[in-house]
Amino acid sequence: MQKRKLGKSNLEVSAVGLGCMRLSPGHGTVAGTKQEMIALIRAAVERGVRFFDTAEVYGPFVNEELVGEALAPMRDQVVIATKFGFQIDSERDPHPVGLNSRPEYIKETVEGSLRRLRVDTIDLLYQHRVDPNVPIEDVAGAAKNLIQEGKVKYFGLSEAGAHTIRRAHAIQPVTALQSEYSLWWKRPEEEIIPTLEELGIGLVPFSPLGKGFLTGTITEKTQFDQEDNRGSFPRFSPEARKANRALVDLIAAFALKKNATSAQIALAWLLAQKPWIVPIPGTTKLERLEENIGAVAIELTPDDLRELDAAIAKITVQGARYPEELERMTYR
């Protein structure tokens, strides 16, 4: 597995990481037992994956516990990223009730994450969503204190706007921004990527496969279970899925020419954008994990990229990516 550094930092990770959100209950039916998901995470390490992404709110709590248990035997080989920022009143009533990035709450959250992850230090700590009620300078200052205390190594943001990134970076260097970026969501190219390049910050795209849609395995007939949040996203309405099939078909045709899969082309495209971009596709299946890892070996030439981008530019993706209340939490 190739390695990459996130921006100008010394944080080196595998070129492709593993998003762990759907490996535990809370975001849809898990296609396997807890022990099978632990085995999958360990299989990823055996195949060279060194970057694992979780969050307190995934589950909540249970995803951090899963990742912590799975990676405990190989802690020194891996980089673990987690996130704070949602108000969760207690482990007895773990439903998020809005945002909370007050410094004292960040400190409390980190203590819980350290315990669940079974680590002494969190490698990369993101603010999950920008809290409009707490100045980002206070958030970055809290992260700075945690780094000085040795409880956190690197600080990151998620789905933040360019102005917020600059303000935070002035207080505590931001190592990475996690943000959705893929062949069907290119908004980061407008302001975010130029800002990251200027400041020397890495980009960690989540949902690099369009929440599974770009793989071609989801159609307008796909039924999402009640816990799967994709069912509430406008872009995943049956009508939008049917309309957006044109994009899936285009990627599939391009993949055929490159003797690759659609997922591999989507990931290879991201890897080709910048040397400091590290996508974190999620999967519960070993064969998909291996397929995703295989994207690292696919080289897209400048001509390939021009051809793909020109073809995709002719397609208008249908449907907002999030319901309005969730979209309001992004790019602040």
C-alpha atoms as a PDB file:
ATOM      1  CA  MET A   1       0.000   0.000   0.000  1.00  0.00           C
ATOM      2  CA  GLN A   2       1.297   3.440  -0.908  1.00  0.00           C
ATOM      3  CA  LYS A   3       1.597   6.051   1.838  1.00  0.00           C
ATOM      4  CA  ARG A   4       0.576   9.694   1.795  1.00  0.00           C
ATOM      5  CA  LYS A   5       1.104  12.636   4.126  1.00  0.00           C
ATOM      6  CA  LEU A   6      -1.867  14.789   5.055  1.00  0.00           C
ATOM      7  CA  GLY A   7      -0.842  18.235   3.875  1.00  0.00           C
ATOM      8  CA  LYS A   8       2.392  19.615   5.274  1.00  0.00           C
ATOM      9  CA  SER A   9       2.049  17.648   8.490  1.00  0.00           C
ATOM     10  CA  ASN A  10       4.104  14.628   9.452  1.00  0.00           C
ATOM     11  CA  LEU A  11       0.958  12.511   9.678  1.00  0.00           C
ATOM     12  CA  GLU A  12       1.563   9.668   7.234  1.00  0.00           C
ATOM     13  CA  VAL A  13      -1.288   7.314   6.393  1.00  0.00           C
ATOM     14  CA  SER A  14      -2.145   4.699   3.790  1.00  0.00           C
ATOM     15  CA  ALA A  15      -3.292   6.171   0.458  1.00  0.00           C
ATOM     16  CA  VAL A  16      -6.754   4.718   1.110  1.00  0.00           C
ATOM     17  CA  GLY A  17      -8.284   4.482   4.577  1.00  0.00           C
ATOM     18  CA  LEU A  18     -11.353   2.710   5.937  1.00  0.00           C
ATOM     19  CA  GLY A  19     -14.491   4.561   6.983  1.00  0.00           C
ATOM     20  CA  CYS A  20     -15.931   2.500   9.829  1.00  0.00           C
ATOM     21  CA  MET A  21     -19.333   4.157  10.395  1.00  0.00           C
ATOM     22  CA  ARG A  22     -21.483   1.388   8.937  1.00  0.00           C
ATOM     23  CA  LEU A  23     -19.605  -1.443  10.664  1.00  0.00           C
ATOM     24  CA  SER A  24     -21.810  -1.071  13.745  1.00  0.00           C
ATOM     25  CA  PRO A  25     -25.543  -0.474  14.342  1.00  0.00           C
ATOM     26  CA  GLY A  26     -27.026   2.979  14.068  1.00  0.00           C
ATOM     27  CA  HIS A  27     -26.733   3.767  10.361  1.00  0.00           C
ATOM     28  CA  GLY A  28     -28.475   0.835   8.748  1.00  0.00           C
ATOM     29  CA  THR A  29     -28.423  -2.925   9.047  1.00  0.00           C
ATOM     30  CA  VAL A  30     -24.920  -4.305   9.565  1.00  0.00           C
ATOM     31  CA  ALA A  31     -24.178  -7.120   7.146  1.00  0.00           C
ATOM     32  CA  GLY A  32     -22.375  -9.273   9.677  1.00  0.00           C
ATOM     33  CA  THR A  33     -21.695  -9.874  13.354  1.00  0.00           C
ATOM     34  CA  LYS A  34     -19.476  -7.746  15.553  1.00  0.00           C
ATOM     35  CA  GLN A  35     -16.738 -10.383  15.352  1.00  0.00           C
ATOM     36  CA  GLU A  36     -16.966 -10.382  11.558  1.00  0.00           C
ATOM     37  CA  MET A  37     -16.563  -6.613  11.496  1.00  0.00           C
ATOM     38  CA  ILE A  38     -13.562  -6.855  13.829  1.00  0.00           C
ATOM     39  CA  ALA A  39     -12.109  -9.446  11.449  1.00  0.00           C
ATOM     40  CA  LEU A  40     -12.696  -7.078   8.514  1.00  0.00           C
ATOM     41  CA  ILE A  41     -10.838  -4.220  10.224  1.00  0.00           C
ATOM     42  CA  ARG A  42      -7.929  -6.516  11.014  1.00  0.00           C
ATOM     43  CA  ALA A  43      -7.962  -7.830   7.444  1.00  0.00           C
ATOM     44  CA  ALA A  44      -7.636  -4.216   6.285  1.00  0.00           C
ATOM     45  CA  VAL A  45      -4.505  -3.810   8.410  1.00  0.00           C
ATOM     46  CA  GLU A  46      -3.062  -7.025   6.979  1.00  0.00           C
ATOM     47  CA  ARG A  47      -3.599  -5.590   3.482  1.00  0.00           C
ATOM     48  CA  GLY A  48      -1.825  -2.335   4.230  1.00  0.00           C
ATOM     49  CA  VAL A  49      -4.625  -0.017   5.375  1.00  0.00           C
ATOM     50  CA  ARG A  50      -3.267   2.178   8.151  1.00  0.00           C
ATOM     51  CA  PHE A  51      -5.962   4.869   8.493  1.00  0.00           C
ATOM     52  CA  PHE A  52      -9.275   4.216  10.276  1.00  0.00           C
ATOM     53  CA  ASP A  53     -12.118   6.690  10.725  1.00  0.00           C
ATOM     54  CA  THR A  54     -14.763   6.653  13.435  1.00  0.00           C
ATOM     55  CA  ALA A  55     -16.701   9.142  15.596  1.00  0.00           C
ATOM     56  CA  GLU A  56     -18.337   9.349  18.996  1.00  0.00           C
ATOM     57  CA  VAL A  57     -21.742   9.858  17.367  1.00  0.00           C
ATOM     58  CA  TYR A  58     -21.512   6.716  15.205  1.00  0.00           C
ATOM     59  CA  GLY A  59     -23.860   4.389  17.000  1.00  0.00           C
ATOM     60  CA  PRO A  60     -23.406   6.509  19.131  1.00  0.00           C
ATOM     61  CA  PHE A  61     -20.422   5.138  21.077  1.00  0.00           C
ATOM     62  CA  VAL A  62     -20.480   1.568  19.772  1.00  0.00           C
ATOM     63  CA  ASN A  63     -18.414   2.309  16.667  1.00  0.00           C
ATOM     64  CA  GLU A  64     -15.515   3.680  18.680  1.00  0.00           C
ATOM     65  CA  GLU A  65     -15.717   0.599  20.902  1.00  0.00           C
ATOM     66  CA  LEU A  66     -15.636  -1.682  17.848  1.00  0.00           C
ATOM     67  CA  VAL A  67     -12.666   0.115  16.297  1.00  0.00           C
ATOM     68  CA  GLY A  68     -10.840   0.178  19.619  1.00  0.00           C
ATOM     69  CA  GLU A  69     -11.279  -3.550  20.184  1.00  0.00           C
ATOM     70  CA  ALA A  70     -10.337  -4.420  16.604  1.00  0.00           C
ATOM     71  CA  LEU A  71      -7.170  -2.328  16.501  1.00  0.00           C
ATOM     72  CA  ALA A  72      -5.891  -2.844  20.059  1.00  0.00           C
ATOM     73  CA  PRO A  73      -3.484  -5.654  19.024  1.00  0.00           C
ATOM     74  CA  MET A  74      -1.927  -3.514  16.251  1.00  0.00           C
ATOM     75  CA  ARG A  75      -2.221  -0.054  17.786  1.00  0.00           C
ATOM     76  CA  ASP A  76       1.339   0.930  16.875  1.00  0.00           C
ATOM     77  CA  GLN A  77       0.718   0.212  13.179  1.00  0.00           C
ATOM     78  CA  VAL A  78      -2.323   2.419  12.619  1.00  0.00           C
ATOM     79  CA  VAL A  79      -3.682   5.960  12.654  1.00  0.00           C
ATOM     80  CA  ILE A  80      -7.107   6.327  14.276  1.00  0.00           C
ATOM     81  CA  ALA A  81      -9.275   9.389  13.633  1.00  0.00           C
ATOM     82  CA  THR A  82     -12.381  10.236  15.622  1.00  0.00           C
ATOM     83  CA  LYS A  83     -14.677  13.237  16.020  1.00  0.00           C
ATOM     84  CA  PHE A  84     -16.473  15.391  18.583  1.00  0.00           C
ATOM     85  CA  GLY A  85     -19.147  18.017  18.217  1.00  0.00           C
ATOM     86  CA  PHE A  86     -22.614  16.533  18.730  1.00  0.00           C
ATOM     87  CA  GLN A  87     -24.412  16.944  22.051  1.00  0.00           C
ATOM     88  CA  ILE A  88     -25.063  13.521  23.561  1.00  0.00           C
ATOM     89  CA  ASP A  89     -26.518  13.750  27.038  1.00  0.00           C
ATOM     90  CA  SER A  90     -25.513  10.335  28.325  1.00  0.00           C
ATOM     91  CA  GLU A  91     -24.686   6.786  27.321  1.00  0.00           C
ATOM     92  CA  ARG A  92     -28.109   5.829  28.708  1.00  0.00           C
ATOM     93  CA  ASP A  93     -29.835   8.178  26.255  1.00  0.00           C
ATOM     94  CA  PRO A  94     -27.383   8.314  23.347  1.00  0.00           C
ATOM     95  CA  HIS A  95     -29.468  10.220  20.814  1.00  0.00           C
ATOM     96  CA  PRO A  96     -27.683  13.358  19.545  1.00  0.00           C
ATOM     97  CA  VAL A  97     -29.559  16.560  20.420  1.00  0.00           C
ATOM     98  CA  GLY A  98     -27.794  19.214  18.348  1.00  0.00           C
ATOM     99  CA  LEU A  99     -24.235  20.506  18.291  1.00  0.00           C
ATOM    100  CA  ASN A 100     -21.891  21.239  21.180  1.00  0.00           C
ATOM    101  CA  SER A 101     -18.275  22.305  20.770  1.00  0.00           C
ATOM    102  CA  ARG A 102     -17.836  24.148  24.051  1.00  0.00           C
ATOM    103  CA  PRO A 103     -14.235  23.580  25.219  1.00  0.00           C
ATOM    104  CA  GLU A 104     -15.270  21.850  28.451  1.00  0.00           C
ATOM    105  CA  TYR A 105     -17.534  19.498  26.495  1.00  0.00           C
ATOM    106  CA  ILE A 106     -14.754  18.729  23.999  1.00  0.00           C
ATOM    107  CA  LYS A 107     -12.508  17.728  26.881  1.00  0.00           C
ATOM    108  CA  GLU A 108     -15.226  15.500  28.338  1.00  0.00           C
ATOM    109  CA  THR A 109     -15.898  13.931  24.934  1.00  0.00           C
ATOM    110  CA  VAL A 110     -12.221  13.165  24.348  1.00  0.00           C
ATOM    111  CA  GLU A 111     -11.941  11.328  27.665  1.00  0.00           C
ATOM    112  CA  GLY A 112     -14.792   9.045  26.572  1.00  0.00           C
ATOM    113  CA  SER A 113     -13.254   8.487  23.144  1.00  0.00           C
ATOM    114  CA  LEU A 114      -9.864   7.614  24.643  1.00  0.00           C
ATOM    115  CA  ARG A 115     -11.524   5.011  26.848  1.00  0.00           C
ATOM    116  CA  ARG A 116     -13.628   3.458  24.102  1.00  0.00           C
ATOM    117  CA  LEU A 117     -10.767   3.413  21.589  1.00  0.00           C
ATOM    118  CA  ARG A 118      -8.428   1.883  24.197  1.00  0.00           C
ATOM    119  CA  VAL A 119      -5.712   4.419  23.408  1.00  0.00           C
ATOM    120  CA  ASP A 120      -3.632   6.933  25.345  1.00  0.00           C
ATOM    121  CA  THR A 121      -3.644   9.430  22.480  1.00  0.00           C
ATOM    122  CA  ILE A 122      -6.053  10.132  19.629  1.00  0.00           C
ATOM    123  CA  ASP A 123      -4.059  10.420  16.416  1.00  0.00           C
ATOM    124  CA  LEU A 124      -6.421  12.791  14.601  1.00  0.00           C
ATOM    125  CA  LEU A 125      -9.334  14.585  16.277  1.00  0.00           C
ATOM    126  CA  TYR A 126     -11.903  16.317  14.077  1.00  0.00           C
ATOM    127  CA  GLN A 127     -14.638  18.762  14.939  1.00  0.00           C
ATOM    128  CA  HIS A 128     -17.525  16.848  13.339  1.00  0.00           C
ATOM    129  CA  ARG A 129     -19.553  19.930  12.383  1.00  0.00           C
ATOM    130  CA  VAL A 130     -18.921  23.614  13.001  1.00  0.00           C
ATOM    131  CA  ASP A 131     -20.910  24.852  15.997  1.00  0.00           C
ATOM    132  CA  PRO A 132     -22.276  28.344  15.233  1.00  0.00           C
ATOM    133  CA  ASN A 133     -22.623  29.042  18.953  1.00  0.00           C
ATOM    134  CA  VAL A 134     -18.927  28.563  19.772  1.00  0.00           C
ATOM    135  CA  PRO A 135     -16.180  30.682  18.151  1.00  0.00           C
ATOM    136  CA  ILE A 136     -13.910  28.421  16.115  1.00  0.00           C
ATOM    137  CA  GLU A 137     -10.956  30.062  17.873  1.00  0.00           C
ATOM    138  CA  ASP A 138     -12.203  28.559  21.156  1.00  0.00           C
ATOM    139  CA  VAL A 139     -12.538  25.143  19.530  1.00  0.00           C
ATOM    140  CA  ALA A 140      -9.027  25.310  18.062  1.00  0.00           C
ATOM    141  CA  GLY A 141      -7.723  26.501  21.420  1.00  0.00           C
ATOM    142  CA  ALA A 142      -9.286  23.495  23.148  1.00  0.00           C
ATOM    143  CA  ALA A 143      -7.657  21.205  20.587  1.00  0.00           C
ATOM    144  CA  LYS A 144      -4.335  22.966  21.153  1.00  0.00           C
ATOM    145  CA  ASN A 145      -4.597  22.300  24.894  1.00  0.00           C
ATOM    146  CA  LEU A 146      -5.387  18.623  24.295  1.00  0.00           C
ATOM    147  CA  ILE A 147      -2.358  18.338  22.012  1.00  0.00           C
ATOM    148  CA  GLN A 148      -0.149  19.957  24.654  1.00  0.00           C
ATOM    149  CA  GLU A 149      -1.521  17.485  27.215  1.00  0.00           C
ATOM    150  CA  GLY A 150      -0.601  14.569  24.928  1.00  0.00           C
ATOM    151  CA  LYS A 151      -4.185  13.363  24.543  1.00  0.00           C
ATOM    152  CA  VAL A 152      -4.398  14.307  20.865  1.00  0.00           C
ATOM    153  CA  LYS A 153      -1.714  14.414  18.164  1.00  0.00           C
ATOM    154  CA  TYR A 154      -3.382  16.272  15.288  1.00  0.00           C
ATOM    155  CA  PHE A 155      -6.439  18.497  14.846  1.00  0.00           C
ATOM    156  CA  GLY A 156      -8.930  18.441  11.989  1.00  0.00           C
ATOM    157  CA  LEU A 157     -12.250  19.887  10.838  1.00  0.00           C
ATOM    158  CA  SER A 158     -15.161  18.325   8.959  1.00  0.00           C
ATOM    159  CA  GLU A 159     -17.358  20.015   6.334  1.00  0.00           C
ATOM    160  CA  ALA A 160     -16.113  23.453   7.427  1.00  0.00           C
ATOM    161  CA  GLY A 161     -16.089  26.529   5.188  1.00  0.00           C
ATOM    162  CA  ALA A 162     -12.914  28.204   3.933  1.00  0.00           C
ATOM    163  CA  HIS A 163     -13.146  31.194   6.307  1.00  0.00           C
ATOM    164  CA  THR A 164     -13.597  28.917   9.323  1.00  0.00           C
ATOM    165  CA  ILE A 165     -10.631  26.781   8.249  1.00  0.00           C
ATOM    166  CA  ARG A 166      -8.427  29.875   8.104  1.00  0.00           C
ATOM    167  CA  ARG A 167      -9.543  31.123  11.516  1.00  0.00           C
ATOM    168  CA  ALA A 168      -8.966  27.743  13.168  1.00  0.00           C
ATOM    169  CA  HIS A 169      -5.609  27.245  11.443  1.00  0.00           C
ATOM    170  CA  ALA A 170      -4.365  30.552  12.863  1.00  0.00           C
ATOM    171  CA  ILE A 171      -4.840  29.234  16.415  1.00  0.00           C
ATOM    172  CA  GLN A 172      -3.896  25.554  15.993  1.00  0.00           C
ATOM    173  CA  PRO A 173      -2.615  24.167  12.683  1.00  0.00           C
ATOM    174  CA  VAL A 174      -5.331  22.120  10.998  1.00  0.00           C
ATOM    175  CA  THR A 175      -3.857  18.862   9.707  1.00  0.00           C
ATOM    176  CA  ALA A 176      -6.828  17.622   7.711  1.00  0.00           C
ATOM    177  CA  LEU A 177     -10.284  18.560   6.546  1.00  0.00           C
ATOM    178  CA  GLN A 178     -12.779  15.757   6.166  1.00  0.00           C
ATOM    179  CA  SER A 179     -15.399  16.618   3.589  1.00  0.00           C
ATOM    180  CA  GLU A 180     -17.578  14.886   1.053  1.00  0.00           C
ATOM    181  CA  TYR A 181     -15.843  14.893  -2.338  1.00  0.00           C
ATOM    182  CA  SER A 182     -16.449  12.563  -5.254  1.00  0.00           C
ATOM    183  CA  LEU A 183     -17.327  12.351  -8.915  1.00  0.00           C
ATOM    184  CA  TRP A 184     -20.865  13.434  -8.028  1.00  0.00           C
ATOM    185  CA  TRP A 185     -20.063  16.084  -5.389  1.00  0.00           C
ATOM    186  CA  LYS A 186     -17.347  18.468  -6.558  1.00  0.00           C
ATOM    187  CA  ARG A 187     -18.197  21.556  -4.525  1.00  0.00           C
ATOM    188  CA  PRO A 188     -14.875  21.422  -2.594  1.00  0.00           C
ATOM    189  CA  GLU A 189     -13.122  22.374  -5.823  1.00  0.00           C
ATOM    190  CA  GLU A 190     -14.633  25.881  -5.658  1.00  0.00           C
ATOM    191  CA  GLU A 191     -13.082  27.254  -2.452  1.00  0.00           C
ATOM    192  CA  ILE A 192     -12.049  24.433  -0.167  1.00  0.00           C
ATOM    193  CA  ILE A 193      -9.303  22.706  -2.142  1.00  0.00           C
ATOM    194  CA  PRO A 194      -7.507  25.968  -3.062  1.00  0.00           C
ATOM    195  CA  THR A 195      -7.617  26.985   0.617  1.00  0.00           C
ATOM    196  CA  LEU A 196      -6.229  23.628   1.758  1.00  0.00           C
ATOM    197  CA  GLU A 197      -3.450  23.779  -0.826  1.00  0.00           C
ATOM    198  CA  GLU A 198      -2.470  27.270   0.275  1.00  0.00           C
ATOM    199  CA  LEU A 199      -2.391  26.348   3.972  1.00  0.00           C
ATOM    200  CA  GLY A 200      -0.855  22.879   3.596  1.00  0.00           C
ATOM    201  CA  ILE A 201      -3.858  20.952   4.918  1.00  0.00           C
ATOM    202  CA  GLY A 202      -4.787  17.428   3.792  1.00  0.00           C
ATOM    203  CA  LEU A 203      -8.208  16.442   2.477  1.00  0.00           C
ATOM    204  CA  VAL A 204      -9.950  13.262   3.600  1.00  0.00           C
ATOM    205  CA  PRO A 205     -12.971  12.672   1.345  1.00  0.00           C
ATOM    206  CA  PHE A 206     -15.802  10.765   2.971  1.00  0.00           C
ATOM    207  CA  SER A 207     -18.439   9.076   0.810  1.00  0.00           C
ATOM    208  CA  PRO A 208     -15.909   8.899  -2.058  1.00  0.00           C
ATOM    209  CA  LEU A 209     -18.181   6.372  -3.774  1.00  0.00           C
ATOM    210  CA  GLY A 210     -21.258   8.576  -3.484  1.00  0.00           C
ATOM    211  CA  LYS A 211     -22.533   6.652  -0.444  1.00  0.00           C
ATOM    212  CA  GLY A 212     -22.381   3.522  -2.608  1.00  0.00           C
ATOM    213  CA  PHE A 213     -24.280   4.940  -5.566  1.00  0.00           C
ATOM    214  CA  LEU A 214     -21.277   5.304  -7.876  1.00  0.00           C
ATOM    215  CA  THR A 215     -20.532   1.577  -7.627  1.00  0.00           C
ATOM    216  CA  GLY A 216     -23.673   0.777  -9.605  1.00  0.00           C
ATOM    217  CA  THR A 217     -25.101  -1.497  -6.910  1.00  0.00           C
ATOM    218  CA  ILE A 218     -27.935   0.908  -5.959  1.00  0.00           C
ATOM    219  CA  THR A 219     -30.880   1.407  -8.314  1.00  0.00           C
ATOM    220  CA  GLU A 220     -34.239   3.168  -8.128  1.00  0.00           C
ATOM    221  CA  LYS A 221     -35.668  -0.121  -6.855  1.00  0.00           C
ATOM    222  CA  THR A 222     -33.294  -0.423  -3.893  1.00  0.00           C
ATOM    223  CA  GLN A 223     -35.090  -0.395  -0.531  1.00  0.00           C
ATOM    224  CA  PHE A 224     -33.253   1.246   2.384  1.00  0.00           C
ATOM    225  CA  ASP A 225     -34.060   0.041   5.874  1.00  0.00           C
ATOM    226  CA  GLN A 226     -35.449   2.477   8.456  1.00  0.00           C
ATOM    227  CA  GLU A 227     -32.092   3.124  10.132  1.00  0.00           C
ATOM    228  CA  ASP A 228     -30.279   3.870   6.868  1.00  0.00           C
ATOM    229  CA  ASN A 229     -30.092   7.665   6.613  1.00  0.00           C
ATOM    230  CA  ARG A 230     -29.690   7.530   2.835  1.00  0.00           C
ATOM    231  CA  GLY A 231     -33.403   6.906   2.585  1.00  0.00           C
ATOM    232  CA  SER A 232     -34.058  10.479   3.755  1.00  0.00           C
ATOM    233  CA  PHE A 233     -31.587  12.163   1.382  1.00  0.00           C
ATOM    234  CA  PRO A 234     -33.124  13.887  -1.671  1.00  0.00           C
ATOM    235  CA  ARG A 235     -30.338  12.552  -3.890  1.00  0.00           C
ATOM    236  CA  PHE A 236     -31.437   9.025  -2.966  1.00  0.00           C
ATOM    237  CA  SER A 237     -35.106   9.411  -3.777  1.00  0.00           C
ATOM    238  CA  PRO A 238     -36.218   6.817  -6.377  1.00  0.00           C
ATOM    239  CA  GLU A 239     -36.667   9.585  -8.967  1.00  0.00           C
ATOM    240  CA  ALA A 240     -33.182  11.005  -8.369  1.00  0.00           C
ATOM    241  CA  ARG A 241     -31.601   7.566  -8.439  1.00  0.00           C
ATOM    242  CA  LYS A 242     -33.223   6.858 -11.776  1.00  0.00           C
ATOM    243  CA  ALA A 243     -32.087  10.188 -13.211  1.00  0.00           C
ATOM    244  CA  ASN A 244     -28.564   9.861 -11.837  1.00  0.00           C
ATOM    245  CA  ARG A 245     -28.106   6.458 -13.446  1.00  0.00           C
ATOM    246  CA  ALA A 246     -26.560   8.309 -16.404  1.00  0.00           C
ATOM    247  CA  LEU A 247     -23.543   9.181 -14.236  1.00  0.00           C
ATOM    248  CA  VAL A 248     -23.201   5.592 -13.018  1.00  0.00           C
ATOM    249  CA  ASP A 249     -23.345   4.274 -16.579  1.00  0.00           C
ATOM    250  CA  LEU A 250     -20.711   6.744 -17.733  1.00  0.00           C
ATOM    251  CA  ILE A 251     -18.291   5.718 -14.973  1.00  0.00           C
ATOM    252  CA  ALA A 252     -18.946   2.035 -15.677  1.00  0.00           C
ATOM    253  CA  ALA A 253     -18.152   2.489 -19.368  1.00  0.00           C
ATOM    254  CA  PHE A 254     -14.921   4.306 -18.537  1.00  0.00           C
ATOM    255  CA  ALA A 255     -13.984   1.605 -16.008  1.00  0.00           C
ATOM    256  CA  LEU A 256     -14.458  -1.082 -18.645  1.00  0.00           C
ATOM    257  CA  LYS A 257     -11.880   0.620 -20.861  1.00  0.00           C
ATOM    258  CA  LYS A 258      -9.398   0.740 -17.988  1.00  0.00           C
ATOM    259  CA  ASN A 259     -10.016  -2.891 -16.964  1.00  0.00           C
ATOM    260  CA  ALA A 260     -11.187  -1.683 -13.559  1.00  0.00           C
ATOM    261  CA  THR A 261     -14.400  -1.452 -11.558  1.00  0.00           C
ATOM    262  CA  SER A 262     -16.512   1.678 -11.162  1.00  0.00           C
ATOM    263  CA  ALA A 263     -15.492   1.948  -7.503  1.00  0.00           C
ATOM    264  CA  GLN A 264     -11.823   1.771  -8.433  1.00  0.00           C
ATOM    265  CA  ILE A 265     -12.194   4.533 -11.021  1.00  0.00           C
ATOM    266  CA  ALA A 266     -14.032   6.767  -8.539  1.00  0.00           C
ATOM    267  CA  LEU A 267     -11.250   6.300  -5.983  1.00  0.00           C
ATOM    268  CA  ALA A 268      -8.419   6.551  -8.512  1.00  0.00           C
ATOM    269  CA  TRP A 269      -9.914   9.830  -9.738  1.00  0.00           C
ATOM    270  CA  LEU A 270      -9.737  11.248  -6.204  1.00  0.00           C
ATOM    271  CA  LEU A 271      -6.182  10.022  -5.672  1.00  0.00           C
ATOM    272  CA  ALA A 272      -5.134  11.672  -8.930  1.00  0.00           C
ATOM    273  CA  GLN A 273      -6.444  15.115  -7.907  1.00  0.00           C
ATOM    274  CA  LYS A 274      -3.805  15.934  -5.266  1.00  0.00           C
ATOM    275  CA  PRO A 275      -1.039  13.934  -3.516  1.00  0.00           C
ATOM    276  CA  TRP A 276      -2.482  14.976  -0.126  1.00  0.00           C
ATOM    277  CA  ILE A 277      -5.969  13.568  -0.702  1.00  0.00           C
ATOM    278  CA  VAL A 278      -6.790  10.341   1.172  1.00  0.00           C
ATOM    279  CA  PRO A 279     -10.278   8.870   0.607  1.00  0.00           C
ATOM    280  CA  ILE A 280     -11.921   6.707   3.273  1.00  0.00           C
ATOM    281  CA  PRO A 281     -14.427   4.391   1.576  1.00  0.00           C
ATOM    282  CA  GLY A 282     -16.471   2.222   3.903  1.00  0.00           C
ATOM    283  CA  THR A 283     -17.481  -1.381   3.389  1.00  0.00           C
ATOM    284  CA  THR A 284     -18.562  -4.423   5.388  1.00  0.00           C
ATOM    285  CA  LYS A 285     -17.330  -6.937   2.794  1.00  0.00           C
ATOM    286  CA  LEU A 286     -13.799  -8.254   2.350  1.00  0.00           C
ATOM    287  CA  GLU A 287     -14.078  -8.445  -1.435  1.00  0.00           C
ATOM    288  CA  ARG A 288     -15.111  -4.775  -1.581  1.00  0.00           C
ATOM    289  CA  LEU A 289     -12.267  -3.846   0.742  1.00  0.00           C
ATOM    290  CA  GLU A 290      -9.802  -5.547  -1.602  1.00  0.00           C
ATOM    291  CA  GLU A 291     -11.443  -3.907  -4.603  1.00  0.00           C
ATOM    292  CA  ASN A 292     -11.089  -0.466  -3.015  1.00  0.00           C
ATOM    293  CA  ILE A 293      -7.452  -1.074  -2.115  1.00  0.00           C
ATOM    294  CA  GLY A 294      -6.855  -2.039  -5.738  1.00  0.00           C
ATOM    295  CA  ALA A 295      -7.666   1.520  -6.798  1.00  0.00           C
ATOM    296  CA  VAL A 296      -4.258   2.629  -5.535  1.00  0.00           C
ATOM    297  CA  ALA A 297      -2.574   0.731  -8.377  1.00  0.00           C
ATOM    298  CA  ILE A 298      -4.694   2.350 -11.102  1.00  0.00           C
ATOM    299  CA  GLU A 299      -2.997   5.256 -12.831  1.00  0.00           C
ATOM    300  CA  LEU A 300      -5.200   7.766 -14.567  1.00  0.00           C
ATOM    301  CA  THR A 301      -3.260   9.846 -17.086  1.00  0.00           C
ATOM    302  CA  PRO A 302      -3.918  13.549 -17.635  1.00  0.00           C
ATOM    303  CA  ASP A 303      -5.785  12.555 -20.806  1.00  0.00           C
ATOM    304  CA  ASP A 304      -7.884  10.076 -18.819  1.00  0.00           C
ATOM    305  CA  LEU A 305      -8.782  12.746 -16.297  1.00  0.00           C
ATOM    306  CA  ARG A 306      -9.682  15.287 -18.978  1.00  0.00           C
ATOM    307  CA  GLU A 307     -11.872  12.732 -20.746  1.00  0.00           C
ATOM    308  CA  LEU A 308     -13.661  11.714 -17.553  1.00  0.00           C
ATOM    309  CA  ASP A 309     -14.161  15.269 -16.293  1.00  0.00           C
ATOM    310  CA  ALA A 310     -15.430  16.504 -19.672  1.00  0.00           C
ATOM    311  CA  ALA A 311     -17.978  13.693 -19.895  1.00  0.00           C
ATOM    312  CA  ILE A 312     -19.191  14.167 -16.316  1.00  0.00           C
ATOM    313  CA  ALA A 313     -19.509  17.929 -16.789  1.00  0.00           C
ATOM    314  CA  LYS A 314     -22.295  17.258 -19.279  1.00  0.00           C
ATOM    315  CA  ILE A 315     -24.388  15.472 -16.651  1.00  0.00           C
ATOM    316  CA  THR A 316     -26.446  17.373 -14.081  1.00  0.00           C
ATOM    317  CA  VAL A 317     -26.791  15.367 -10.888  1.00  0.00           C
ATOM    318  CA  GLN A 318     -30.347  15.398  -9.576  1.00  0.00           C
ATOM    319  CA  GLY A 319     -31.312  15.905  -5.939  1.00  0.00           C
ATOM    320  CA  ALA A 320     -29.757  17.760  -2.992  1.00  0.00           C
ATOM    321  CA  ARG A 321     -27.198  15.684  -1.140  1.00  0.00           C
ATOM    322  CA  TYR A 322     -28.807  16.296   2.283  1.00  0.00           C
ATOM    323  CA  PRO A 323     -32.154  17.456   3.658  1.00  0.00           C
ATOM    324  CA  GLU A 324     -32.097  21.203   4.283  1.00  0.00           C
ATOM    325  CA  GLU A 325     -31.528  20.981   8.055  1.00  0.00           C
ATOM    326  CA  LEU A 326     -28.415  18.829   7.593  1.00  0.00           C
ATOM    327  CA  GLU A 327     -27.060  20.893   4.714  1.00  0.00           C
ATOM    328  CA  ARG A 328     -27.243  23.976   6.932  1.00  0.00           C
ATOM    329  CA  MET A 329     -24.631  22.359   9.190  1.00  0.00           C
ATOM    330  CA  THR A 330     -22.041  22.312   6.401  1.00  0.00           C
ATOM    331  CA  TYR A 331     -19.657  24.880   4.882  1.00  0.00           C
ATOM    332  CA  ARG A 332     -20.022  27.219   7.864  1.00  0.00           C
END
